[in-house]
Amino acid sequence: MGRVVNPSIEIRPEEYTADENRGERWLVTVFNNETNTYEEVITILIIATNCSPEEAWIETWEIDHLGHSVVHVGNEEECCSAAEIIATIGIRVEVTPEL
């Protein structure tokens, strides 16, 4: 299990080894729950990732229908910051290095 910054956020860098072909990009993955509404998720994604309403809607649909969605890609600090914001509404969020 990875380092837990917030009970809803898991950061798992130790599962990956250094690879000269891999950049410093990280992923923010949001998982579905039965608590939050589409409106809540769309709003928090726009706030946390500065995406368009259309992109937030598509990602929210993926979360609902596929069980999860990568909602942001960036450096580790940026992704952890976005994950902290998203987790404020009680959604499970994971931050991992891009493979």
C-alpha atoms as a PDB file:
ATOM      1  CA  MET A   1       0.000   0.000   0.000  1.00  0.00           C
ATOM      2  CA  GLY A   2       1.229   3.480  -0.773  1.00  0.00           C
ATOM      3  CA  ARG A   3       1.602   6.631   1.242  1.00  0.00           C
ATOM      4  CA  VAL A   4      -1.752   8.055   2.276  1.00  0.00           C
ATOM      5  CA  VAL A   5      -1.935  11.856   2.348  1.00  0.00           C
ATOM      6  CA  ASN A   6      -5.677  12.005   2.915  1.00  0.00           C
ATOM      7  CA  PRO A   7      -7.844   8.965   3.697  1.00  0.00           C
ATOM      8  CA  SER A   8      -9.382   9.287   0.224  1.00  0.00           C
ATOM      9  CA  ILE A   9      -6.060   9.724  -1.629  1.00  0.00           C
ATOM     10  CA  GLU A  10      -3.459   7.050  -2.161  1.00  0.00           C
ATOM     11  CA  ILE A  11      -0.042   7.834  -3.659  1.00  0.00           C
ATOM     12  CA  ARG A  12       1.731   4.713  -4.893  1.00  0.00           C
ATOM     13  CA  PRO A  13       5.212   5.481  -6.300  1.00  0.00           C
ATOM     14  CA  GLU A  14       6.923   2.410  -4.818  1.00  0.00           C
ATOM     15  CA  GLU A  15       5.130   0.069  -7.193  1.00  0.00           C
ATOM     16  CA  TYR A  16       7.104   1.467 -10.094  1.00  0.00           C
ATOM     17  CA  THR A  17      10.808   1.338 -10.834  1.00  0.00           C
ATOM     18  CA  ALA A  18      12.928   3.970 -12.514  1.00  0.00           C
ATOM     19  CA  ASP A  19      12.851   3.749 -16.283  1.00  0.00           C
ATOM     20  CA  GLU A  20      14.850   6.069 -18.502  1.00  0.00           C
ATOM     21  CA  ASN A  21      11.972   6.132 -21.010  1.00  0.00           C
ATOM     22  CA  ARG A  22       9.414   7.295 -18.453  1.00  0.00           C
ATOM     23  CA  GLY A  23       8.931  11.006 -17.869  1.00  0.00           C
ATOM     24  CA  GLU A  24       7.921  12.779 -14.719  1.00  0.00           C
ATOM     25  CA  ARG A  25       4.221  12.594 -15.491  1.00  0.00           C
ATOM     26  CA  TRP A  26       1.725  11.487 -12.861  1.00  0.00           C
ATOM     27  CA  LEU A  27      -1.929  10.476 -13.135  1.00  0.00           C
ATOM     28  CA  VAL A  28      -4.928  11.390 -10.997  1.00  0.00           C
ATOM     29  CA  THR A  29      -7.532   8.624 -11.045  1.00  0.00           C
ATOM     30  CA  VAL A  30     -10.977   9.105  -9.510  1.00  0.00           C
ATOM     31  CA  PHE A  31     -13.145   6.134  -8.505  1.00  0.00           C
ATOM     32  CA  ASN A  32     -16.915   5.840  -8.526  1.00  0.00           C
ATOM     33  CA  ASN A  33     -19.061   5.970  -5.423  1.00  0.00           C
ATOM     34  CA  GLU A  34     -22.781   5.970  -4.799  1.00  0.00           C
ATOM     35  CA  THR A  35     -22.728   9.239  -2.839  1.00  0.00           C
ATOM     36  CA  ASN A  36     -21.786  12.133  -5.118  1.00  0.00           C
ATOM     37  CA  THR A  37     -23.976  13.573  -7.854  1.00  0.00           C
ATOM     38  CA  TYR A  38     -22.839  14.305 -11.397  1.00  0.00           C
ATOM     39  CA  GLU A  39     -23.053  18.019 -10.629  1.00  0.00           C
ATOM     40  CA  GLU A  40     -20.768  17.684  -7.588  1.00  0.00           C
ATOM     41  CA  VAL A  41     -18.175  15.672  -9.486  1.00  0.00           C
ATOM     42  CA  ILE A  42     -18.249  17.912 -12.563  1.00  0.00           C
ATOM     43  CA  THR A  43     -17.859  21.018 -10.417  1.00  0.00           C
ATOM     44  CA  ILE A  44     -14.939  19.652  -8.372  1.00  0.00           C
ATOM     45  CA  LEU A  45     -13.126  18.411 -11.507  1.00  0.00           C
ATOM     46  CA  ILE A  46     -13.395  21.855 -13.090  1.00  0.00           C
ATOM     47  CA  ILE A  47     -12.067  23.475  -9.900  1.00  0.00           C
ATOM     48  CA  ALA A  48      -9.277  20.937  -9.308  1.00  0.00           C
ATOM     49  CA  THR A  49      -8.007  20.433 -12.858  1.00  0.00           C
ATOM     50  CA  ASN A  50      -9.094  23.612 -14.636  1.00  0.00           C
ATOM     51  CA  CYS A  51     -10.717  21.526 -17.369  1.00  0.00           C
ATOM     52  CA  SER A  52     -13.693  22.528 -19.474  1.00  0.00           C
ATOM     53  CA  PRO A  53     -17.228  21.610 -18.404  1.00  0.00           C
ATOM     54  CA  GLU A  54     -17.404  19.252 -21.391  1.00  0.00           C
ATOM     55  CA  GLU A  55     -14.243  17.390 -20.345  1.00  0.00           C
ATOM     56  CA  ALA A  56     -15.461  17.205 -16.729  1.00  0.00           C
ATOM     57  CA  TRP A  57     -18.781  15.760 -17.913  1.00  0.00           C
ATOM     58  CA  ILE A  58     -17.040  13.078 -20.010  1.00  0.00           C
ATOM     59  CA  GLU A  59     -14.745  12.131 -17.113  1.00  0.00           C
ATOM     60  CA  THR A  60     -17.711  12.003 -14.728  1.00  0.00           C
ATOM     61  CA  TRP A  61     -19.566   9.719 -17.150  1.00  0.00           C
ATOM     62  CA  GLU A  62     -16.499   7.440 -17.293  1.00  0.00           C
ATOM     63  CA  ILE A  63     -16.285   7.372 -13.487  1.00  0.00           C
ATOM     64  CA  ASP A  64     -19.968   6.442 -13.257  1.00  0.00           C
ATOM     65  CA  HIS A  65     -20.053   3.887 -16.081  1.00  0.00           C
ATOM     66  CA  LEU A  66     -16.514   2.435 -16.005  1.00  0.00           C
ATOM     67  CA  GLY A  67     -15.842   2.664 -12.269  1.00  0.00           C
ATOM     68  CA  HIS A  68     -12.928   5.089 -12.586  1.00  0.00           C
ATOM     69  CA  SER A  69     -11.314   7.675 -14.844  1.00  0.00           C
ATOM     70  CA  VAL A  70      -7.940   9.361 -15.203  1.00  0.00           C
ATOM     71  CA  VAL A  71      -8.956  12.987 -14.725  1.00  0.00           C
ATOM     72  CA  HIS A  72      -5.579  14.722 -14.820  1.00  0.00           C
ATOM     73  CA  VAL A  73      -1.999  14.207 -15.965  1.00  0.00           C
ATOM     74  CA  GLY A  74       0.860  16.400 -14.733  1.00  0.00           C
ATOM     75  CA  ASN A  75       3.827  16.537 -12.402  1.00  0.00           C
ATOM     76  CA  GLU A  76       3.590  14.954  -8.953  1.00  0.00           C
ATOM     77  CA  GLU A  77       2.989  18.209  -7.066  1.00  0.00           C
ATOM     78  CA  GLU A  78       0.244  19.335  -9.451  1.00  0.00           C
ATOM     79  CA  CYS A  79      -1.466  15.935  -9.314  1.00  0.00           C
ATOM     80  CA  CYS A  80      -1.323  15.747  -5.512  1.00  0.00           C
ATOM     81  CA  SER A  81      -2.808  19.230  -5.322  1.00  0.00           C
ATOM     82  CA  ALA A  82      -5.653  18.311  -7.690  1.00  0.00           C
ATOM     83  CA  ALA A  83      -6.277  15.073  -5.774  1.00  0.00           C
ATOM     84  CA  GLU A  84      -6.496  16.945  -2.460  1.00  0.00           C
ATOM     85  CA  ILE A  85      -9.168  19.229  -3.906  1.00  0.00           C
ATOM     86  CA  ILE A  86     -11.146  16.366  -5.444  1.00  0.00           C
ATOM     87  CA  ALA A  87     -11.032  14.369  -2.197  1.00  0.00           C
ATOM     88  CA  THR A  88     -12.776  17.193  -0.328  1.00  0.00           C
ATOM     89  CA  ILE A  89     -16.131  15.866  -1.561  1.00  0.00           C
ATOM     90  CA  GLY A  90     -15.416  12.337  -0.344  1.00  0.00           C
ATOM     91  CA  ILE A  91     -14.358  10.700  -3.584  1.00  0.00           C
ATOM     92  CA  ARG A  92     -11.565   8.090  -3.569  1.00  0.00           C
ATOM     93  CA  VAL A  93      -8.613   9.454  -5.539  1.00  0.00           C
ATOM     94  CA  GLU A  94      -5.323   7.795  -6.485  1.00  0.00           C
ATOM     95  CA  VAL A  95      -2.112   9.486  -7.675  1.00  0.00           C
ATOM     96  CA  THR A  96       0.362   7.263  -9.554  1.00  0.00           C
ATOM     97  CA  PRO A  97       3.320   7.719 -11.912  1.00  0.00           C
ATOM     98  CA  GLU A  98       2.503   7.270 -15.576  1.00  0.00           C
ATOM     99  CA  LEU A  99       3.922   4.033 -16.936  1.00  0.00           C
END
